[in-house]
């Protein structure tokens, strides 16, 4: 398989912190690479170090951050590089902005229960929130608006990420964002 000629696709992997977004994004990137498709993963924590090196995570900062993230992703797709957004993007409008700017767009919702996410907590954000050291965690103190009509739903607490990645790739093909190998 290969991307269709012209602008590339973007996949936004959204969900609560520690829901399994990064694991799914890595599996997606790997499975796409096996098909000869080099996708760029735009991971919010890595980009935040550049765009907002001393983050406060308030609404205004998040608005600016996601606008910048979407700009980079849309630019990459315009030059033929598929993009996987690995970001909570707790407000629908952040993801909708990407959908408006990238015609070949999929939204993938990693639906994991809050208690599972808090138990995983690899970055300690839920622990800091419980200790009153963080006050803007999506799903706790800040709202998280799940997608209304996601293209794919992945139960991060029930399904292996490799299986979900295969379903996402099948959805890309179903929507016509991929071409069979060898056909141009």
N, C-alpha and C. Protein backbone atom coordinates (compact mmCIF):
# COMPACT_ATOMS: atom_id res chain seq x y z
N UNK A 1 0.84 -1.18 0.00
CA UNK A 1 0.00 0.00 0.00
C UNK A 1 0.88 1.24 0.00
N UNK A 2 0.33 2.30 -0.45
CA UNK A 2 1.02 3.58 -0.41
C UNK A 2 -0.02 4.66 -0.25
N UNK A 3 0.45 5.86 0.09
CA UNK A 3 -0.50 6.96 0.19
C UNK A 3 -0.91 7.34 -1.23
N UNK A 4 -2.10 7.87 -1.35
CA UNK A 4 -2.55 8.34 -2.66
C UNK A 4 -1.75 9.55 -3.06
N UNK A 5 -1.62 9.76 -4.34
CA UNK A 5 -0.89 10.92 -4.85
C UNK A 5 -1.51 12.20 -4.31
N UNK A 6 -0.66 13.18 -4.06
CA UNK A 6 -1.16 14.46 -3.57
C UNK A 6 -1.00 14.57 -2.08
N UNK A 7 -1.91 15.24 -1.44
CA UNK A 7 -1.84 15.49 -0.01
C UNK A 7 -2.00 14.18 0.77
N UNK A 8 -1.26 14.09 1.85
CA UNK A 8 -1.29 12.89 2.68
C UNK A 8 -2.41 12.98 3.72
N UNK A 9 -2.62 11.88 4.41
CA UNK A 9 -3.64 11.82 5.45
C UNK A 9 -3.06 12.19 6.81
N UNK A 10 -3.97 12.47 7.74
CA UNK A 10 -3.60 12.65 9.15
C UNK A 10 -4.56 11.83 10.00
N UNK A 11 -4.02 11.28 11.06
CA UNK A 11 -4.80 10.52 12.04
C UNK A 11 -4.60 11.21 13.38
N UNK A 12 -5.70 11.59 14.03
CA UNK A 12 -5.58 12.16 15.37
C UNK A 12 -5.97 11.08 16.36
N UNK A 13 -5.02 10.68 17.21
CA UNK A 13 -5.27 9.70 18.26
C UNK A 13 -5.51 10.49 19.54
N UNK A 14 -6.75 10.48 20.02
CA UNK A 14 -7.14 11.25 21.20
C UNK A 14 -7.67 10.33 22.29
N UNK A 15 -7.62 10.82 23.50
CA UNK A 15 -8.12 10.09 24.66
C UNK A 15 -7.54 10.73 25.90
N UNK A 16 -7.98 10.28 27.04
CA UNK A 16 -7.47 10.80 28.30
C UNK A 16 -5.96 10.55 28.43
N UNK A 17 -5.27 11.32 29.25
CA UNK A 17 -3.87 11.01 29.53
C UNK A 17 -3.74 9.58 30.06
N UNK A 18 -2.73 8.86 29.58
CA UNK A 18 -2.43 7.47 29.97
C UNK A 18 -3.48 6.47 29.48
N UNK A 19 -4.24 6.85 28.45
CA UNK A 19 -5.27 5.94 27.93
C UNK A 19 -4.71 4.89 26.97
N UNK A 20 -3.53 5.15 26.42
CA UNK A 20 -2.94 4.22 25.45
C UNK A 20 -2.69 4.87 24.10
N UNK A 21 -2.76 6.19 24.03
CA UNK A 21 -2.58 6.90 22.76
C UNK A 21 -1.20 6.66 22.15
N UNK A 22 -0.17 6.83 22.95
CA UNK A 22 1.20 6.70 22.44
C UNK A 22 1.50 5.28 22.00
N UNK A 23 0.98 4.31 22.73
CA UNK A 23 1.18 2.90 22.35
C UNK A 23 0.51 2.62 21.02
N UNK A 24 -0.71 3.13 20.84
CA UNK A 24 -1.41 2.95 19.56
C UNK A 24 -0.68 3.69 18.45
N UNK A 25 -0.24 4.93 18.70
CA UNK A 25 0.47 5.70 17.68
C UNK A 25 1.73 4.97 17.23
N UNK A 26 2.47 4.39 18.16
CA UNK A 26 3.69 3.65 17.82
C UNK A 26 3.36 2.42 16.98
N UNK A 27 2.31 1.72 17.34
CA UNK A 27 1.90 0.54 16.57
C UNK A 27 1.45 0.94 15.16
N UNK A 28 0.70 2.03 15.08
CA UNK A 28 0.27 2.54 13.77
C UNK A 28 1.47 2.89 12.90
N UNK A 29 2.42 3.64 13.48
CA UNK A 29 3.60 4.05 12.72
C UNK A 29 4.36 2.82 12.23
N UNK A 30 4.51 1.83 13.07
CA UNK A 30 5.23 0.61 12.72
C UNK A 30 4.51 -0.16 11.61
N UNK A 31 3.20 -0.34 11.75
CA UNK A 31 2.46 -1.09 10.74
C UNK A 31 2.41 -0.35 9.40
N UNK A 32 2.32 0.98 9.45
CA UNK A 32 2.37 1.75 8.20
C UNK A 32 3.74 1.61 7.55
N UNK A 33 4.80 1.64 8.35
CA UNK A 33 6.16 1.48 7.82
C UNK A 33 6.32 0.14 7.13
N UNK A 34 5.72 -0.91 7.69
CA UNK A 34 5.76 -2.24 7.06
C UNK A 34 5.11 -2.22 5.68
N UNK A 35 4.22 -1.27 5.45
CA UNK A 35 3.54 -1.14 4.16
C UNK A 35 4.23 -0.10 3.27
N UNK A 36 5.38 0.38 3.72
CA UNK A 36 6.13 1.35 2.93
C UNK A 36 5.68 2.79 3.10
N UNK A 37 4.94 3.07 4.16
CA UNK A 37 4.44 4.42 4.41
C UNK A 37 5.15 4.99 5.63
N UNK A 38 5.92 6.05 5.42
CA UNK A 38 6.65 6.70 6.51
C UNK A 38 5.79 7.82 7.07
N UNK A 39 5.20 7.58 8.22
CA UNK A 39 4.34 8.58 8.86
C UNK A 39 5.09 9.28 9.98
N UNK A 40 4.89 10.57 10.10
CA UNK A 40 5.48 11.36 11.19
C UNK A 40 4.52 11.35 12.36
N UNK A 41 5.04 11.04 13.55
CA UNK A 41 4.22 11.11 14.77
C UNK A 41 4.49 12.45 15.43
N UNK A 42 3.44 13.25 15.58
CA UNK A 42 3.53 14.53 16.29
C UNK A 42 3.01 14.28 17.70
N UNK A 43 3.94 14.10 18.62
CA UNK A 43 3.60 13.75 19.99
C UNK A 43 3.57 15.02 20.82
N UNK A 44 2.46 15.24 21.51
CA UNK A 44 2.25 16.53 22.19
C UNK A 44 3.33 16.83 23.23
N UNK A 45 3.76 15.85 24.00
CA UNK A 45 4.77 16.14 25.03
C UNK A 45 6.08 16.61 24.39
N UNK A 46 6.48 16.01 23.29
CA UNK A 46 7.72 16.41 22.62
C UNK A 46 7.58 17.82 22.02
N UNK A 47 6.46 18.09 21.37
CA UNK A 47 6.25 19.41 20.77
C UNK A 47 6.09 20.50 21.83
N UNK A 48 5.49 20.15 22.94
CA UNK A 48 5.27 21.13 24.01
C UNK A 48 6.61 21.68 24.52
N UNK A 49 7.64 20.83 24.54
CA UNK A 49 8.97 21.26 24.98
C UNK A 49 9.52 22.37 24.08
N UNK A 50 9.08 22.39 22.83
CA UNK A 50 9.54 23.40 21.87
C UNK A 50 8.60 24.60 21.86
N UNK A 51 7.30 24.34 21.74
CA UNK A 51 6.32 25.42 21.61
C UNK A 51 6.05 26.15 22.92
N UNK A 52 6.00 25.41 24.02
CA UNK A 52 5.73 26.00 25.35
C UNK A 52 6.66 25.34 26.36
N UNK A 53 7.94 25.76 26.40
CA UNK A 53 8.91 25.07 27.25
C UNK A 53 8.61 25.14 28.75
N UNK A 54 7.82 26.10 29.17
CA UNK A 54 7.41 26.21 30.58
C UNK A 54 5.88 26.24 30.63
N UNK A 55 5.25 25.09 30.34
CA UNK A 55 3.79 25.08 30.20
C UNK A 55 3.04 25.32 31.50
N UNK A 56 1.89 25.98 31.32
CA UNK A 56 0.96 26.21 32.43
C UNK A 56 -0.32 25.39 32.23
N UNK A 57 -0.54 24.96 30.98
CA UNK A 57 -1.71 24.15 30.62
C UNK A 57 -3.03 24.88 30.83
N UNK A 58 -3.01 26.21 30.78
CA UNK A 58 -4.28 26.93 30.87
C UNK A 58 -4.95 26.95 29.49
N UNK A 59 -6.18 27.41 29.46
CA UNK A 59 -6.95 27.36 28.21
C UNK A 59 -6.28 28.13 27.08
N UNK A 60 -5.78 29.32 27.36
CA UNK A 60 -5.16 30.14 26.31
C UNK A 60 -3.91 29.47 25.76
N UNK A 61 -3.10 28.91 26.63
CA UNK A 61 -1.90 28.23 26.19
C UNK A 61 -2.24 26.98 25.36
N UNK A 62 -3.23 26.22 25.82
CA UNK A 62 -3.64 25.03 25.06
C UNK A 62 -4.15 25.43 23.67
N UNK A 63 -4.91 26.51 23.61
CA UNK A 63 -5.43 26.99 22.33
C UNK A 63 -4.27 27.27 21.37
N UNK A 64 -3.27 28.01 21.85
CA UNK A 64 -2.10 28.32 21.02
C UNK A 64 -1.32 27.06 20.66
N UNK A 65 -1.10 26.20 21.62
CA UNK A 65 -0.33 24.98 21.38
C UNK A 65 -0.98 24.12 20.29
N UNK A 66 -2.27 23.86 20.42
CA UNK A 66 -2.93 22.99 19.44
C UNK A 66 -3.03 23.65 18.07
N UNK A 67 -3.16 24.97 18.03
CA UNK A 67 -3.16 25.67 16.74
C UNK A 67 -1.81 25.47 16.06
N UNK A 68 -0.73 25.58 16.81
CA UNK A 68 0.62 25.37 16.27
C UNK A 68 0.82 23.91 15.83
N UNK A 69 0.36 23.00 16.64
CA UNK A 69 0.49 21.58 16.33
C UNK A 69 -0.25 21.23 15.03
N UNK A 70 -1.46 21.76 14.91
CA UNK A 70 -2.25 21.52 13.70
C UNK A 70 -1.56 22.14 12.48
N UNK A 71 -0.99 23.32 12.63
CA UNK A 71 -0.28 23.96 11.53
C UNK A 71 0.85 23.07 11.02
N UNK A 72 1.65 22.54 11.94
CA UNK A 72 2.77 21.67 11.55
C UNK A 72 2.24 20.41 10.85
N UNK A 73 1.22 19.80 11.43
CA UNK A 73 0.65 18.58 10.83
C UNK A 73 0.07 18.83 9.46
N UNK A 74 -0.67 19.92 9.31
CA UNK A 74 -1.27 20.24 8.00
C UNK A 74 -0.18 20.52 6.98
N UNK A 75 0.87 21.22 7.38
CA UNK A 75 1.98 21.51 6.48
C UNK A 75 2.66 20.22 6.01
N UNK A 76 2.90 19.31 6.93
CA UNK A 76 3.51 18.04 6.56
C UNK A 76 2.64 17.29 5.55
N UNK A 77 1.33 17.23 5.80
CA UNK A 77 0.45 16.50 4.88
C UNK A 77 0.42 17.16 3.50
N UNK A 78 0.52 18.48 3.45
CA UNK A 78 0.53 19.17 2.16
C UNK A 78 1.75 18.78 1.33
N UNK A 79 2.83 18.40 2.00
CA UNK A 79 4.05 17.99 1.31
C UNK A 79 4.17 16.48 1.21
N UNK A 80 3.06 15.77 1.46
CA UNK A 80 3.01 14.34 1.22
C UNK A 80 3.41 13.45 2.38
N UNK A 81 3.63 14.00 3.55
CA UNK A 81 4.01 13.18 4.70
C UNK A 81 2.77 12.89 5.56
N UNK A 82 2.40 11.62 5.68
CA UNK A 82 1.29 11.28 6.58
C UNK A 82 1.65 11.62 8.02
N UNK A 83 0.64 12.00 8.79
CA UNK A 83 0.86 12.46 10.16
C UNK A 83 -0.04 11.68 11.12
N UNK A 84 0.56 11.33 12.25
CA UNK A 84 -0.20 10.76 13.36
C UNK A 84 -0.08 11.75 14.51
N UNK A 85 -1.18 12.41 14.86
CA UNK A 85 -1.20 13.30 16.02
C UNK A 85 -1.41 12.42 17.25
N UNK A 86 -0.47 12.46 18.17
CA UNK A 86 -0.56 11.71 19.42
C UNK A 86 -0.75 12.75 20.52
N UNK A 87 -2.01 13.11 20.77
CA UNK A 87 -2.29 14.21 21.68
C UNK A 87 -3.69 14.11 22.26
N UNK A 88 -3.81 14.40 23.55
CA UNK A 88 -5.12 14.38 24.21
C UNK A 88 -6.09 15.32 23.52
N UNK A 89 -5.65 16.57 23.27
CA UNK A 89 -6.53 17.57 22.65
C UNK A 89 -7.90 17.51 23.31
N UNK A 90 -7.95 17.96 24.56
CA UNK A 90 -9.14 17.76 25.38
C UNK A 90 -10.40 18.46 24.87
N UNK A 91 -10.26 19.42 24.00
CA UNK A 91 -11.43 20.09 23.41
C UNK A 91 -11.62 19.64 21.96
N UNK A 92 -12.86 19.37 21.60
CA UNK A 92 -13.16 18.95 20.23
C UNK A 92 -12.67 19.96 19.20
N UNK A 93 -12.74 21.25 19.53
CA UNK A 93 -12.38 22.27 18.54
C UNK A 93 -10.93 22.15 18.10
N UNK A 94 -10.05 21.64 18.95
CA UNK A 94 -8.65 21.46 18.54
C UNK A 94 -8.57 20.41 17.43
N UNK A 95 -9.27 19.32 17.61
CA UNK A 95 -9.26 18.25 16.61
C UNK A 95 -10.04 18.67 15.37
N UNK A 96 -11.12 19.42 15.57
CA UNK A 96 -11.90 19.91 14.44
C UNK A 96 -11.08 20.85 13.55
N UNK A 97 -10.19 21.62 14.15
CA UNK A 97 -9.31 22.50 13.38
C UNK A 97 -8.44 21.67 12.43
N UNK A 98 -7.92 20.57 12.93
CA UNK A 98 -7.12 19.69 12.07
C UNK A 98 -7.99 19.10 10.96
N UNK A 99 -9.19 18.68 11.31
CA UNK A 99 -10.11 18.11 10.31
C UNK A 99 -10.40 19.13 9.21
N UNK A 100 -10.51 20.41 9.56
CA UNK A 100 -10.77 21.46 8.57
C UNK A 100 -9.56 21.69 7.67
N UNK A 101 -8.36 21.51 8.19
CA UNK A 101 -7.16 21.83 7.44
C UNK A 101 -6.54 20.64 6.71
N UNK A 102 -6.94 19.43 7.07
CA UNK A 102 -6.41 18.23 6.43
C UNK A 102 -7.59 17.46 5.84
N UNK A 103 -7.76 17.50 4.53
CA UNK A 103 -8.93 16.85 3.93
C UNK A 103 -9.02 15.35 4.19
N UNK A 104 -7.88 14.66 4.22
CA UNK A 104 -7.87 13.21 4.46
C UNK A 104 -7.54 12.98 5.94
N UNK A 105 -8.58 12.98 6.77
CA UNK A 105 -8.42 13.02 8.22
C UNK A 105 -9.21 11.90 8.88
N UNK A 106 -8.60 11.24 9.84
CA UNK A 106 -9.29 10.26 10.68
C UNK A 106 -9.14 10.68 12.14
N UNK A 107 -10.20 10.46 12.90
CA UNK A 107 -10.13 10.68 14.34
C UNK A 107 -10.30 9.33 15.03
N UNK A 108 -9.32 8.99 15.87
CA UNK A 108 -9.32 7.72 16.58
C UNK A 108 -9.43 8.03 18.07
N UNK A 109 -10.42 7.44 18.70
CA UNK A 109 -10.68 7.68 20.11
C UNK A 109 -10.19 6.48 20.93
N UNK A 110 -9.23 6.72 21.81
CA UNK A 110 -8.76 5.70 22.73
C UNK A 110 -9.63 5.83 23.99
N UNK A 111 -10.58 4.95 24.10
CA UNK A 111 -11.58 4.99 25.16
C UNK A 111 -11.14 4.07 26.30
N UNK A 112 -10.49 4.65 27.28
CA UNK A 112 -10.08 3.91 28.47
C UNK A 112 -10.70 4.58 29.69
N UNK A 113 -11.23 3.80 30.63
CA UNK A 113 -11.83 4.39 31.82
C UNK A 113 -10.81 5.21 32.62
N UNK A 114 -11.28 6.30 33.22
CA UNK A 114 -10.42 7.18 34.00
C UNK A 114 -9.65 6.41 35.07
N UNK A 115 -10.30 5.46 35.74
CA UNK A 115 -9.61 4.73 36.80
C UNK A 115 -8.45 3.88 36.26
N UNK A 116 -8.58 3.37 35.04
CA UNK A 116 -7.49 2.61 34.40
C UNK A 116 -6.35 3.57 34.06
N UNK A 117 -6.68 4.71 33.49
CA UNK A 117 -5.66 5.71 33.15
C UNK A 117 -4.91 6.16 34.40
N UNK A 118 -5.64 6.43 35.47
CA UNK A 118 -5.01 6.87 36.72
C UNK A 118 -4.14 5.78 37.32
N UNK A 119 -4.53 4.53 37.16
CA UNK A 119 -3.72 3.42 37.68
C UNK A 119 -2.43 3.26 36.87
N UNK A 120 -2.50 3.50 35.56
CA UNK A 120 -1.29 3.41 34.71
C UNK A 120 -0.35 4.56 35.04
N UNK A 121 -0.81 5.76 34.86
CA UNK A 121 -0.14 7.01 35.22
C UNK A 121 1.39 7.01 35.04
N UNK A 122 1.90 6.71 33.84
CA UNK A 122 3.36 6.62 33.66
C UNK A 122 4.09 7.94 33.89
N UNK A 123 3.43 9.06 33.71
CA UNK A 123 4.08 10.37 33.90
C UNK A 123 3.76 10.99 35.25
N UNK A 124 2.92 10.33 36.05
CA UNK A 124 2.61 10.82 37.38
C UNK A 124 1.65 12.00 37.43
N UNK A 125 0.92 12.26 36.33
CA UNK A 125 0.05 13.44 36.33
C UNK A 125 -1.17 13.27 37.23
N UNK A 126 -1.71 12.06 37.29
CA UNK A 126 -2.87 11.84 38.17
C UNK A 126 -2.42 11.90 39.64
N UNK A 127 -1.24 11.35 39.91
CA UNK A 127 -0.69 11.40 41.27
C UNK A 127 -0.47 12.86 41.70
N UNK A 128 0.09 13.68 40.80
CA UNK A 128 0.29 15.10 41.11
C UNK A 128 -1.05 15.80 41.31
N UNK A 129 -2.04 15.44 40.51
CA UNK A 129 -3.37 16.07 40.66
C UNK A 129 -3.98 15.73 42.02
N UNK A 130 -3.84 14.47 42.44
CA UNK A 130 -4.37 14.08 43.76
C UNK A 130 -3.65 14.80 44.90
N UNK A 131 -2.38 15.15 44.65
CA UNK A 131 -1.60 15.85 45.66
C UNK A 131 -1.71 17.37 45.52
N UNK A 132 -2.65 17.82 44.68
CA UNK A 132 -2.86 19.25 44.41
C UNK A 132 -1.64 19.94 43.81
N UNK A 133 -0.78 19.17 43.13
CA UNK A 133 0.39 19.75 42.46
C UNK A 133 0.11 19.98 40.97
N UNK A 134 -1.02 19.51 40.47
CA UNK A 134 -1.46 19.75 39.10
C UNK A 134 -2.96 20.04 39.17
N UNK A 135 -3.41 21.06 38.44
CA UNK A 135 -4.84 21.41 38.55
C UNK A 135 -5.52 21.57 37.19
N UNK A 136 -4.92 21.03 36.13
CA UNK A 136 -5.54 21.15 34.81
C UNK A 136 -5.52 19.82 34.05
N UNK A 137 -5.62 18.72 34.75
CA UNK A 137 -5.56 17.41 34.12
C UNK A 137 -6.90 17.10 33.44
N UNK A 138 -6.87 16.87 32.11
CA UNK A 138 -8.11 16.53 31.41
C UNK A 138 -8.75 15.27 32.00
N UNK A 139 -10.04 15.38 32.23
CA UNK A 139 -10.77 14.27 32.81
C UNK A 139 -10.93 14.41 34.31
N UNK A 140 -10.09 15.24 34.93
CA UNK A 140 -10.20 15.52 36.37
C UNK A 140 -10.63 16.96 36.56
N UNK A 141 -9.67 17.89 36.49
CA UNK A 141 -10.00 19.30 36.72
C UNK A 141 -10.33 20.04 35.43
N UNK A 142 -9.85 19.56 34.32
CA UNK A 142 -10.15 20.17 33.01
C UNK A 142 -11.08 19.23 32.25
N UNK A 143 -11.99 19.78 31.46
CA UNK A 143 -12.90 18.90 30.71
C UNK A 143 -12.16 18.13 29.62
N UNK A 144 -12.67 16.94 29.34
CA UNK A 144 -12.24 16.19 28.16
C UNK A 144 -13.49 15.92 27.34
N UNK A 145 -13.49 16.39 26.11
CA UNK A 145 -14.64 16.22 25.22
C UNK A 145 -14.32 15.11 24.22
N UNK A 146 -14.88 13.91 24.45
CA UNK A 146 -14.60 12.81 23.52
C UNK A 146 -15.19 13.11 22.14
N UNK A 147 -14.65 12.47 21.12
CA UNK A 147 -15.21 12.68 19.78
C UNK A 147 -16.68 12.29 19.73
N UNK A 148 -17.43 13.02 18.91
CA UNK A 148 -18.85 12.72 18.74
C UNK A 148 -19.02 11.51 17.81
N UNK A 149 -18.27 11.52 16.72
CA UNK A 149 -18.35 10.42 15.74
C UNK A 149 -16.94 10.02 15.30
N UNK A 150 -16.17 9.36 16.18
CA UNK A 150 -14.82 8.96 15.80
C UNK A 150 -14.85 7.93 14.67
N UNK A 151 -13.83 7.93 13.86
CA UNK A 151 -13.73 6.95 12.77
C UNK A 151 -13.43 5.56 13.31
N UNK A 152 -12.65 5.49 14.38
CA UNK A 152 -12.31 4.22 15.02
C UNK A 152 -12.29 4.46 16.53
N UNK A 153 -12.83 3.51 17.29
CA UNK A 153 -12.76 3.54 18.75
C UNK A 153 -11.90 2.36 19.18
N UNK A 154 -10.93 2.65 20.02
CA UNK A 154 -10.02 1.64 20.57
C UNK A 154 -10.21 1.60 22.07
N UNK A 155 -10.61 0.47 22.59
CA UNK A 155 -10.72 0.30 24.04
C UNK A 155 -9.33 -0.03 24.56
N UNK A 156 -8.65 0.99 25.07
CA UNK A 156 -7.27 0.85 25.51
C UNK A 156 -7.08 -0.11 26.66
N UNK A 157 -8.15 -0.46 27.33
CA UNK A 157 -8.06 -1.41 28.45
C UNK A 157 -8.49 -2.81 28.05
N UNK A 158 -8.90 -3.01 26.77
CA UNK A 158 -9.43 -4.32 26.38
C UNK A 158 -8.82 -4.90 25.11
N UNK A 159 -8.38 -4.07 24.19
CA UNK A 159 -7.92 -4.53 22.89
C UNK A 159 -6.42 -4.30 22.74
N UNK A 160 -5.70 -5.24 22.14
CA UNK A 160 -4.28 -5.00 21.88
C UNK A 160 -4.11 -3.85 20.89
N UNK A 161 -3.12 -2.99 21.08
CA UNK A 161 -2.92 -1.86 20.17
C UNK A 161 -2.64 -2.29 18.73
N UNK A 162 -2.01 -3.43 18.56
CA UNK A 162 -1.72 -3.93 17.19
C UNK A 162 -3.01 -4.20 16.42
N UNK A 163 -4.00 -4.74 17.12
CA UNK A 163 -5.30 -5.01 16.51
C UNK A 163 -5.99 -3.70 16.13
N UNK A 164 -5.96 -2.73 17.04
CA UNK A 164 -6.57 -1.43 16.77
C UNK A 164 -5.87 -0.74 15.61
N UNK A 165 -4.54 -0.84 15.55
CA UNK A 165 -3.79 -0.23 14.44
C UNK A 165 -4.22 -0.84 13.10
N UNK A 166 -4.42 -2.14 13.07
CA UNK A 166 -4.90 -2.78 11.83
C UNK A 166 -6.27 -2.24 11.43
N UNK A 167 -7.14 -2.01 12.43
CA UNK A 167 -8.47 -1.46 12.12
C UNK A 167 -8.37 -0.03 11.60
N UNK A 168 -7.44 0.76 12.14
CA UNK A 168 -7.24 2.13 11.65
C UNK A 168 -6.75 2.10 10.21
N UNK A 169 -5.80 1.23 9.91
CA UNK A 169 -5.27 1.13 8.55
C UNK A 169 -6.37 0.67 7.59
N UNK A 170 -7.21 -0.25 8.04
CA UNK A 170 -8.34 -0.68 7.21
C UNK A 170 -9.29 0.49 6.94
N UNK A 171 -9.48 1.35 7.93
CA UNK A 171 -10.35 2.53 7.75
C UNK A 171 -9.72 3.51 6.77
N UNK A 172 -8.39 3.68 6.83
CA UNK A 172 -7.70 4.54 5.85
C UNK A 172 -7.96 4.03 4.44
N UNK A 173 -7.84 2.73 4.26
CA UNK A 173 -8.07 2.13 2.93
C UNK A 173 -9.53 2.28 2.52
N UNK A 174 -10.45 2.03 3.46
CA UNK A 174 -11.88 2.15 3.17
C UNK A 174 -12.24 3.56 2.71
N UNK A 175 -11.62 4.56 3.32
CA UNK A 175 -11.91 5.95 2.95
C UNK A 175 -11.18 6.39 1.68
N UNK A 176 -10.32 5.51 1.16
CA UNK A 176 -9.60 5.84 -0.08
C UNK A 176 -8.34 6.67 0.14
N UNK A 177 -7.82 6.69 1.37
CA UNK A 177 -6.61 7.47 1.66
C UNK A 177 -5.34 6.69 1.33
N UNK A 178 -5.47 5.40 1.05
CA UNK A 178 -4.37 4.54 0.67
C UNK A 178 -4.66 3.92 -0.68
N UNK A 179 -3.62 3.61 -1.41
CA UNK A 179 -3.76 2.91 -2.70
C UNK A 179 -3.12 1.56 -2.56
N UNK A 180 -3.62 0.55 -3.28
CA UNK A 180 -2.94 -0.74 -3.27
C UNK A 180 -1.53 -0.57 -3.82
N UNK A 181 -0.59 -1.35 -3.31
CA UNK A 181 0.80 -1.27 -3.78
C UNK A 181 0.87 -1.50 -5.29
N UNK A 182 1.66 -0.68 -5.91
CA UNK A 182 1.87 -0.85 -7.35
C UNK A 182 0.90 -0.08 -8.22
N UNK A 183 -0.24 0.36 -7.71
CA UNK A 183 -1.16 1.12 -8.56
C UNK A 183 -0.90 2.60 -8.35
N UNK A 184 -0.81 3.34 -9.42
CA UNK A 184 -0.50 4.77 -9.32
C UNK A 184 -1.59 5.57 -9.92
